[in-house]
């Protein structure tokens, strides 16, 4: 669920409260959400309006291709394809799970190997967050002097 949807639901709850009432069920914002996120088994034409969306969803679920290549194969612009994923028209959760373990890294401190594995595995081993592990690759990190220099190197 995207942040915009959460904010819209919170606004509807602020207007009507969290109790089930007839006025809330007639709210046009809620009806738009129901149309947008209808059950694909009951209303397949409302969720997947075209064969291109079906094809894109199959590619997201079954391949490890980068998103821009999936967008090309499905016939979408890569920016529009990203917007479809963000807005909830395409579910990219399986794609993220499949892609998460593709890259292994070595994490160095002063040219000494500390840990090896995916970014999440390294973070768990060291008790740090994944964003902290990725932070040593930023240009802003590299331009300053540090007592200990950390490096993250992708293993091929």
N, C-alpha and C. Protein backbone atom coordinates (compact mmCIF):
# COMPACT_ATOMS: atom_id res chain seq x y z
N UNK A 1 0.85 -1.17 0.00
CA UNK A 1 0.00 0.00 0.00
C UNK A 1 0.90 1.23 0.00
N UNK A 2 0.58 2.19 -0.83
CA UNK A 2 1.41 3.37 -0.93
C UNK A 2 1.04 4.38 0.14
N UNK A 3 1.95 5.33 0.36
CA UNK A 3 1.70 6.36 1.36
C UNK A 3 0.49 7.22 1.01
N UNK A 4 0.26 7.46 -0.28
CA UNK A 4 -0.89 8.27 -0.67
C UNK A 4 -2.20 7.60 -0.29
N UNK A 5 -2.25 6.27 -0.42
CA UNK A 5 -3.45 5.53 -0.06
C UNK A 5 -3.67 5.59 1.45
N UNK A 6 -2.59 5.42 2.20
CA UNK A 6 -2.69 5.48 3.67
C UNK A 6 -3.19 6.86 4.10
N UNK A 7 -2.64 7.91 3.50
CA UNK A 7 -3.07 9.27 3.85
C UNK A 7 -4.54 9.49 3.50
N UNK A 8 -4.99 8.94 2.37
CA UNK A 8 -6.38 9.11 1.98
C UNK A 8 -7.31 8.39 2.96
N UNK A 9 -6.93 7.18 3.37
CA UNK A 9 -7.75 6.44 4.33
C UNK A 9 -7.79 7.18 5.66
N UNK A 10 -6.65 7.74 6.08
CA UNK A 10 -6.61 8.50 7.33
C UNK A 10 -7.50 9.74 7.24
N UNK A 11 -7.53 10.38 6.08
CA UNK A 11 -8.39 11.55 5.91
C UNK A 11 -9.86 11.16 5.97
N UNK A 12 -10.22 10.03 5.38
CA UNK A 12 -11.60 9.55 5.42
C UNK A 12 -11.99 9.22 6.86
N UNK A 13 -11.07 8.56 7.59
CA UNK A 13 -11.34 8.24 9.00
C UNK A 13 -11.48 9.51 9.84
N UNK A 14 -10.70 10.53 9.51
CA UNK A 14 -10.80 11.79 10.25
C UNK A 14 -12.15 12.46 10.01
N UNK A 15 -12.68 12.31 8.79
CA UNK A 15 -13.97 12.92 8.46
C UNK A 15 -15.15 12.17 9.09
N UNK A 16 -15.08 10.83 9.06
CA UNK A 16 -16.24 10.04 9.48
C UNK A 16 -16.01 9.23 10.75
N UNK A 17 -14.77 9.09 11.19
CA UNK A 17 -14.47 8.23 12.32
C UNK A 17 -14.19 6.82 11.84
N UNK A 18 -13.80 5.94 12.75
CA UNK A 18 -13.45 4.57 12.36
C UNK A 18 -14.64 3.62 12.44
N UNK A 19 -15.79 4.10 12.89
CA UNK A 19 -16.97 3.26 13.00
C UNK A 19 -17.61 3.13 11.62
N UNK A 20 -18.14 1.95 11.32
CA UNK A 20 -18.79 1.69 10.05
C UNK A 20 -20.07 2.53 9.96
N UNK A 21 -20.16 3.41 8.96
CA UNK A 21 -21.37 4.22 8.80
C UNK A 21 -21.72 4.35 7.33
N UNK A 22 -22.97 4.66 7.03
CA UNK A 22 -23.44 4.74 5.66
C UNK A 22 -22.84 5.92 4.91
N UNK A 23 -22.60 7.04 5.61
CA UNK A 23 -22.04 8.22 4.95
C UNK A 23 -20.65 7.93 4.40
N UNK A 24 -19.85 7.18 5.17
CA UNK A 24 -18.48 6.87 4.73
C UNK A 24 -18.49 5.96 3.51
N UNK A 25 -19.45 5.05 3.43
CA UNK A 25 -19.47 4.14 2.29
C UNK A 25 -19.84 4.86 0.99
N UNK A 26 -20.45 6.03 1.08
CA UNK A 26 -20.80 6.81 -0.11
C UNK A 26 -19.73 7.84 -0.46
N UNK A 27 -18.68 7.92 0.31
CA UNK A 27 -17.61 8.89 0.05
C UNK A 27 -16.92 8.56 -1.28
N UNK A 28 -16.78 9.54 -2.18
CA UNK A 28 -16.18 9.26 -3.49
C UNK A 28 -14.72 8.81 -3.40
N UNK A 29 -14.00 9.27 -2.38
CA UNK A 29 -12.60 8.83 -2.22
C UNK A 29 -12.53 7.35 -1.91
N UNK A 30 -13.43 6.88 -1.05
CA UNK A 30 -13.45 5.47 -0.68
C UNK A 30 -13.88 4.60 -1.88
N UNK A 31 -14.84 5.09 -2.65
CA UNK A 31 -15.27 4.35 -3.84
C UNK A 31 -14.13 4.24 -4.86
N UNK A 32 -13.34 5.32 -4.98
CA UNK A 32 -12.20 5.28 -5.90
C UNK A 32 -11.16 4.26 -5.43
N UNK A 33 -10.94 4.19 -4.12
CA UNK A 33 -10.00 3.20 -3.59
C UNK A 33 -10.52 1.78 -3.82
N UNK A 34 -11.80 1.57 -3.64
CA UNK A 34 -12.37 0.25 -3.86
C UNK A 34 -12.26 -0.17 -5.32
N UNK A 35 -12.49 0.77 -6.24
CA UNK A 35 -12.34 0.45 -7.66
C UNK A 35 -10.89 0.13 -8.00
N UNK A 36 -9.98 0.89 -7.41
CA UNK A 36 -8.56 0.76 -7.73
C UNK A 36 -7.97 -0.54 -7.19
N UNK A 37 -8.38 -0.93 -5.99
CA UNK A 37 -7.82 -2.12 -5.37
C UNK A 37 -8.86 -3.23 -5.23
N UNK A 38 -9.65 -3.42 -6.28
CA UNK A 38 -10.66 -4.47 -6.23
C UNK A 38 -9.99 -5.83 -6.32
N UNK A 39 -10.70 -6.85 -5.92
CA UNK A 39 -10.19 -8.21 -5.91
C UNK A 39 -10.00 -8.69 -7.35
N UNK A 40 -8.76 -9.10 -7.74
CA UNK A 40 -8.54 -9.50 -9.13
C UNK A 40 -9.27 -10.78 -9.52
N UNK A 41 -9.68 -11.60 -8.57
CA UNK A 41 -10.41 -12.82 -8.92
C UNK A 41 -11.83 -12.48 -9.32
N UNK A 42 -12.45 -11.55 -8.60
CA UNK A 42 -13.83 -11.19 -8.91
C UNK A 42 -13.94 -10.21 -10.08
N UNK A 43 -12.99 -9.30 -10.21
CA UNK A 43 -13.06 -8.26 -11.24
C UNK A 43 -11.74 -8.14 -11.99
N UNK A 44 -11.37 -9.14 -12.81
CA UNK A 44 -10.06 -9.07 -13.45
C UNK A 44 -9.93 -7.91 -14.43
N UNK A 45 -11.04 -7.46 -15.04
CA UNK A 45 -10.94 -6.38 -16.02
C UNK A 45 -10.70 -5.03 -15.35
N UNK A 46 -11.09 -4.88 -14.10
CA UNK A 46 -10.87 -3.62 -13.42
C UNK A 46 -9.42 -3.47 -12.96
N UNK A 47 -8.79 -4.58 -12.55
CA UNK A 47 -7.43 -4.50 -12.06
C UNK A 47 -6.45 -4.49 -13.23
N UNK A 48 -6.57 -5.46 -14.12
CA UNK A 48 -5.69 -5.52 -15.28
C UNK A 48 -6.47 -5.05 -16.50
N UNK A 49 -6.28 -3.79 -16.84
CA UNK A 49 -7.05 -3.21 -17.94
C UNK A 49 -6.51 -3.62 -19.29
N UNK A 50 -5.28 -4.16 -19.32
CA UNK A 50 -4.72 -4.54 -20.61
C UNK A 50 -3.86 -5.79 -20.47
N UNK A 51 -3.57 -6.37 -21.61
CA UNK A 51 -2.68 -7.53 -21.62
C UNK A 51 -1.26 -7.13 -21.25
N UNK A 52 -0.91 -5.88 -21.52
CA UNK A 52 0.44 -5.43 -21.16
C UNK A 52 0.66 -5.47 -19.66
N UNK A 53 -0.37 -5.11 -18.87
CA UNK A 53 -0.25 -5.19 -17.42
C UNK A 53 -0.09 -6.64 -16.97
N UNK A 54 -0.84 -7.54 -17.57
CA UNK A 54 -0.72 -8.95 -17.21
C UNK A 54 0.68 -9.47 -17.53
N UNK A 55 1.17 -9.09 -18.71
CA UNK A 55 2.50 -9.52 -19.13
C UNK A 55 3.56 -8.95 -18.19
N UNK A 56 3.43 -7.68 -17.83
CA UNK A 56 4.38 -7.06 -16.92
C UNK A 56 4.36 -7.74 -15.56
N UNK A 57 3.18 -8.09 -15.07
CA UNK A 57 3.08 -8.75 -13.77
C UNK A 57 3.71 -10.14 -13.82
N UNK A 58 3.49 -10.87 -14.91
CA UNK A 58 4.12 -12.19 -15.05
C UNK A 58 5.63 -12.07 -15.08
N UNK A 59 6.15 -11.07 -15.80
CA UNK A 59 7.60 -10.88 -15.86
C UNK A 59 8.16 -10.49 -14.49
N UNK A 60 7.44 -9.66 -13.76
CA UNK A 60 7.90 -9.28 -12.42
C UNK A 60 7.93 -10.49 -11.49
N UNK A 61 6.95 -11.36 -11.61
CA UNK A 61 6.86 -12.51 -10.71
C UNK A 61 7.85 -13.62 -11.06
N UNK A 62 8.17 -13.77 -12.33
CA UNK A 62 8.90 -14.96 -12.76
C UNK A 62 10.31 -14.73 -13.27
N UNK A 63 10.78 -13.50 -13.36
CA UNK A 63 12.12 -13.27 -13.88
C UNK A 63 12.95 -12.46 -12.89
N UNK A 64 14.25 -12.48 -13.10
CA UNK A 64 15.17 -11.68 -12.30
C UNK A 64 15.71 -10.49 -13.09
N UNK A 65 15.03 -10.13 -14.17
CA UNK A 65 15.48 -9.02 -14.99
C UNK A 65 15.35 -7.70 -14.23
N UNK A 66 16.20 -6.72 -14.57
CA UNK A 66 16.00 -5.38 -13.99
C UNK A 66 14.66 -4.80 -14.46
N UNK A 67 14.15 -3.88 -13.68
CA UNK A 67 12.82 -3.33 -14.00
C UNK A 67 12.77 -2.63 -15.34
N UNK A 68 13.86 -1.95 -15.75
CA UNK A 68 13.81 -1.23 -17.02
C UNK A 68 13.69 -2.22 -18.19
N UNK A 69 14.27 -3.43 -18.06
CA UNK A 69 14.15 -4.42 -19.12
C UNK A 69 12.74 -5.03 -19.14
N UNK A 70 12.17 -5.22 -17.96
CA UNK A 70 10.79 -5.71 -17.89
C UNK A 70 9.85 -4.68 -18.52
N UNK A 71 10.11 -3.40 -18.25
CA UNK A 71 9.29 -2.33 -18.84
C UNK A 71 9.40 -2.35 -20.36
N UNK A 72 10.59 -2.56 -20.89
CA UNK A 72 10.77 -2.62 -22.35
C UNK A 72 10.02 -3.80 -22.94
N UNK A 73 10.13 -4.97 -22.29
CA UNK A 73 9.46 -6.17 -22.81
C UNK A 73 7.94 -6.04 -22.76
N UNK A 74 7.44 -5.35 -21.74
CA UNK A 74 5.99 -5.18 -21.62
C UNK A 74 5.48 -4.02 -22.46
N UNK A 75 6.39 -3.20 -22.99
CA UNK A 75 5.99 -2.08 -23.85
C UNK A 75 5.68 -0.80 -23.11
N UNK A 76 6.32 -0.59 -21.95
CA UNK A 76 6.10 0.62 -21.16
C UNK A 76 7.37 1.46 -21.10
N UNK A 77 7.19 2.75 -20.90
CA UNK A 77 8.28 3.64 -20.55
C UNK A 77 8.73 3.28 -19.14
N UNK A 78 10.04 3.32 -18.85
CA UNK A 78 10.51 2.87 -17.54
C UNK A 78 9.98 3.74 -16.40
N UNK A 79 9.78 5.03 -16.63
CA UNK A 79 9.25 5.90 -15.58
C UNK A 79 7.77 5.59 -15.32
N UNK A 80 7.02 5.36 -16.39
CA UNK A 80 5.60 5.02 -16.23
C UNK A 80 5.46 3.67 -15.55
N UNK A 81 6.36 2.73 -15.89
CA UNK A 81 6.36 1.41 -15.28
C UNK A 81 6.62 1.52 -13.78
N UNK A 82 7.57 2.38 -13.39
CA UNK A 82 7.84 2.60 -11.97
C UNK A 82 6.63 3.18 -11.27
N UNK A 83 5.93 4.09 -11.94
CA UNK A 83 4.72 4.68 -11.35
C UNK A 83 3.63 3.62 -11.18
N UNK A 84 3.52 2.69 -12.12
CA UNK A 84 2.54 1.61 -11.99
C UNK A 84 2.84 0.75 -10.75
N UNK A 85 4.12 0.52 -10.49
CA UNK A 85 4.50 -0.27 -9.30
C UNK A 85 4.21 0.51 -8.03
N UNK A 86 4.54 1.78 -8.02
CA UNK A 86 4.34 2.61 -6.82
C UNK A 86 2.85 2.78 -6.53
N UNK A 87 2.05 2.96 -7.56
CA UNK A 87 0.62 3.20 -7.38
C UNK A 87 -0.17 1.93 -7.07
N UNK A 88 0.48 0.77 -7.14
CA UNK A 88 -0.21 -0.46 -6.76
C UNK A 88 -0.86 -1.21 -7.91
N UNK A 89 -0.69 -0.76 -9.14
CA UNK A 89 -1.26 -1.48 -10.27
C UNK A 89 -0.45 -2.75 -10.57
N UNK A 90 0.84 -2.73 -10.23
CA UNK A 90 1.70 -3.90 -10.36
C UNK A 90 2.28 -4.21 -8.99
N UNK A 91 2.34 -5.49 -8.65
CA UNK A 91 2.89 -5.92 -7.37
C UNK A 91 4.32 -6.39 -7.59
N UNK A 92 5.29 -5.64 -7.07
CA UNK A 92 6.69 -5.99 -7.28
C UNK A 92 7.33 -6.63 -6.05
N UNK A 93 6.53 -7.14 -5.12
CA UNK A 93 7.09 -7.75 -3.90
C UNK A 93 7.86 -9.03 -4.22
N UNK A 94 7.35 -9.89 -5.09
CA UNK A 94 8.08 -11.11 -5.47
C UNK A 94 9.37 -10.76 -6.19
N UNK A 95 9.33 -9.73 -7.01
CA UNK A 95 10.52 -9.30 -7.73
C UNK A 95 11.61 -8.87 -6.76
N UNK A 96 11.24 -8.10 -5.73
CA UNK A 96 12.22 -7.67 -4.74
C UNK A 96 12.81 -8.86 -3.99
N UNK A 97 11.98 -9.84 -3.65
CA UNK A 97 12.48 -11.02 -2.94
C UNK A 97 13.46 -11.79 -3.82
N UNK A 98 13.14 -11.94 -5.10
CA UNK A 98 14.03 -12.65 -6.01
C UNK A 98 15.33 -11.89 -6.25
N UNK A 99 15.27 -10.58 -6.33
CA UNK A 99 16.45 -9.77 -6.63
C UNK A 99 17.34 -9.55 -5.41
N UNK A 100 16.79 -9.70 -4.23
CA UNK A 100 17.49 -9.34 -3.00
C UNK A 100 18.77 -10.15 -2.82
N UNK A 101 18.77 -11.40 -3.24
CA UNK A 101 19.91 -12.26 -2.98
C UNK A 101 20.82 -12.44 -4.19
N UNK A 102 20.66 -11.61 -5.21
CA UNK A 102 21.49 -11.76 -6.39
C UNK A 102 22.91 -11.27 -6.18
N UNK A 103 23.10 -10.26 -5.37
CA UNK A 103 24.41 -9.64 -5.25
C UNK A 103 25.03 -9.95 -3.89
N UNK A 104 26.24 -10.46 -3.93
CA UNK A 104 27.01 -10.66 -2.72
C UNK A 104 28.09 -9.60 -2.66
N UNK A 105 28.42 -9.20 -1.46
CA UNK A 105 29.39 -8.14 -1.24
C UNK A 105 30.44 -8.58 -0.24
N UNK A 106 31.58 -7.89 -0.28
CA UNK A 106 32.59 -8.01 0.76
C UNK A 106 32.69 -6.65 1.42
N UNK A 107 32.72 -6.65 2.73
CA UNK A 107 32.75 -5.41 3.50
C UNK A 107 34.10 -5.31 4.19
N UNK A 108 34.85 -4.27 3.87
CA UNK A 108 36.20 -4.08 4.38
C UNK A 108 36.28 -2.90 5.34
N UNK A 109 37.15 -3.03 6.32
CA UNK A 109 37.51 -1.92 7.19
C UNK A 109 39.03 -1.80 7.14
N UNK A 110 39.51 -0.70 6.61
CA UNK A 110 40.96 -0.47 6.45
C UNK A 110 41.60 -1.65 5.72
N UNK A 111 41.04 -2.06 4.61
CA UNK A 111 41.52 -3.15 3.77
C UNK A 111 41.54 -4.51 4.46
N UNK A 112 40.83 -4.66 5.54
CA UNK A 112 40.69 -5.94 6.23
C UNK A 112 39.25 -6.41 6.06
N UNK A 113 39.07 -7.64 5.58
CA UNK A 113 37.73 -8.19 5.35
C UNK A 113 37.02 -8.41 6.68
N UNK A 114 35.84 -7.79 6.81
CA UNK A 114 35.05 -7.92 8.04
C UNK A 114 33.92 -8.93 7.85
N UNK A 115 33.21 -8.81 6.73
CA UNK A 115 32.05 -9.68 6.51
C UNK A 115 31.83 -9.87 5.02
N UNK A 116 31.08 -10.91 4.71
CA UNK A 116 30.79 -11.25 3.33
C UNK A 116 29.34 -11.73 3.23
N UNK A 117 28.66 -11.40 2.15
CA UNK A 117 27.28 -11.83 1.94
C UNK A 117 26.46 -10.71 1.32
N UNK A 118 25.12 -10.83 1.40
CA UNK A 118 24.26 -9.75 0.92
C UNK A 118 24.34 -8.59 1.91
N UNK A 119 23.84 -7.45 1.52
CA UNK A 119 23.89 -6.28 2.40
C UNK A 119 23.13 -6.54 3.69
N UNK A 120 21.98 -7.19 3.59
CA UNK A 120 21.21 -7.49 4.80
C UNK A 120 21.94 -8.47 5.71
N UNK A 121 22.61 -9.47 5.13
CA UNK A 121 23.36 -10.42 5.94
C UNK A 121 24.53 -9.74 6.65
N UNK A 122 25.23 -8.87 5.94
CA UNK A 122 26.35 -8.14 6.53
C UNK A 122 25.85 -7.26 7.67
N UNK A 123 24.73 -6.58 7.44
CA UNK A 123 24.17 -5.70 8.47
C UNK A 123 23.79 -6.50 9.71
N UNK A 124 23.21 -7.67 9.53
CA UNK A 124 22.82 -8.50 10.68
C UNK A 124 24.06 -8.99 11.44
N UNK A 125 25.10 -9.38 10.72
CA UNK A 125 26.32 -9.87 11.37
C UNK A 125 26.98 -8.78 12.21
N UNK A 126 26.97 -7.55 11.70
CA UNK A 126 27.67 -6.46 12.37
C UNK A 126 26.77 -5.67 13.32
N UNK A 127 25.48 -5.93 13.30
CA UNK A 127 24.56 -5.19 14.17
C UNK A 127 24.34 -3.76 13.72
N UNK A 128 24.43 -3.54 12.42
CA UNK A 128 24.20 -2.22 11.83
C UNK A 128 22.99 -2.28 10.92
N UNK A 129 22.55 -1.13 10.47
CA UNK A 129 21.44 -1.12 9.52
C UNK A 129 21.98 -1.26 8.10
N UNK A 130 21.17 -1.77 7.17
CA UNK A 130 21.63 -1.89 5.78
C UNK A 130 22.00 -0.54 5.16
N UNK A 131 21.30 0.52 5.56
CA UNK A 131 21.64 1.84 5.01
C UNK A 131 23.01 2.31 5.49
N UNK A 132 23.42 1.92 6.70
CA UNK A 132 24.75 2.25 7.19
C UNK A 132 25.80 1.51 6.37
N UNK A 133 25.54 0.27 6.05
CA UNK A 133 26.48 -0.52 5.25
C UNK A 133 26.60 0.09 3.85
N UNK A 134 25.48 0.48 3.25
CA UNK A 134 25.50 1.10 1.92
C UNK A 134 26.12 2.50 1.95
N UNK A 135 26.11 3.14 3.10
CA UNK A 135 26.58 4.53 3.22
C UNK A 135 28.02 4.74 2.83
N UNK A 136 28.85 3.70 2.97
CA UNK A 136 30.26 3.88 2.64
C UNK A 136 30.50 3.97 1.14
N UNK A 137 29.48 3.72 0.33
CA UNK A 137 29.64 3.84 -1.12
C UNK A 137 29.29 5.24 -1.62
N UNK A 138 28.76 6.09 -0.75
CA UNK A 138 28.34 7.43 -1.16
C UNK A 138 29.54 8.35 -1.37
N UNK A 139 29.39 9.27 -2.31
CA UNK A 139 30.47 10.22 -2.57
C UNK A 139 30.69 11.14 -1.38
N UNK A 140 29.64 11.44 -0.63
CA UNK A 140 29.79 12.30 0.54
C UNK A 140 30.61 11.61 1.63
N UNK A 141 30.55 10.28 1.71
CA UNK A 141 31.37 9.54 2.67
C UNK A 141 32.84 9.55 2.23
N UNK A 142 33.06 9.42 0.94
CA UNK A 142 34.43 9.30 0.42
C UNK A 142 35.20 10.61 0.46
N UNK A 143 34.52 11.74 0.45
CA UNK A 143 35.25 13.00 0.36
C UNK A 143 35.82 13.48 1.70
N UNK A 144 35.46 12.84 2.81
CA UNK A 144 35.98 13.23 4.12
C UNK A 144 36.95 12.17 4.64
N UNK A 145 37.87 12.63 5.50
CA UNK A 145 38.82 11.72 6.15
C UNK A 145 38.12 11.03 7.31
N UNK A 146 38.40 9.73 7.50
CA UNK A 146 37.81 8.96 8.58
C UNK A 146 38.91 8.22 9.31
N UNK A 147 38.66 7.93 10.58
CA UNK A 147 39.62 7.15 11.35
C UNK A 147 39.73 5.74 10.78
N UNK A 148 38.59 5.13 10.45
CA UNK A 148 38.55 3.82 9.81
C UNK A 148 37.79 3.97 8.50
N UNK A 149 38.39 3.51 7.43
CA UNK A 149 37.77 3.62 6.10
C UNK A 149 37.07 2.31 5.78
N UNK A 150 35.77 2.39 5.53
CA UNK A 150 34.97 1.22 5.20
C UNK A 150 34.74 1.18 3.69
N UNK A 151 34.72 -0.03 3.13
CA UNK A 151 34.48 -0.22 1.71
C UNK A 151 33.53 -1.38 1.51
N UNK A 152 32.63 -1.23 0.57
CA UNK A 152 31.70 -2.29 0.18
C UNK A 152 31.99 -2.62 -1.28
N UNK A 153 32.40 -3.88 -1.52
CA UNK A 153 32.79 -4.29 -2.87
C UNK A 153 31.88 -5.43 -3.32
N UNK A 154 31.30 -5.26 -4.52
CA UNK A 154 30.41 -6.29 -5.07
C UNK A 154 31.25 -7.46 -5.58
N UNK A 155 30.86 -8.67 -5.20
CA UNK A 155 31.55 -9.88 -5.66
C UNK A 155 30.84 -10.38 -6.90
N UNK A 156 31.57 -10.65 -7.94
CA UNK A 156 30.95 -11.10 -9.20
C UNK A 156 30.74 -12.58 -9.22
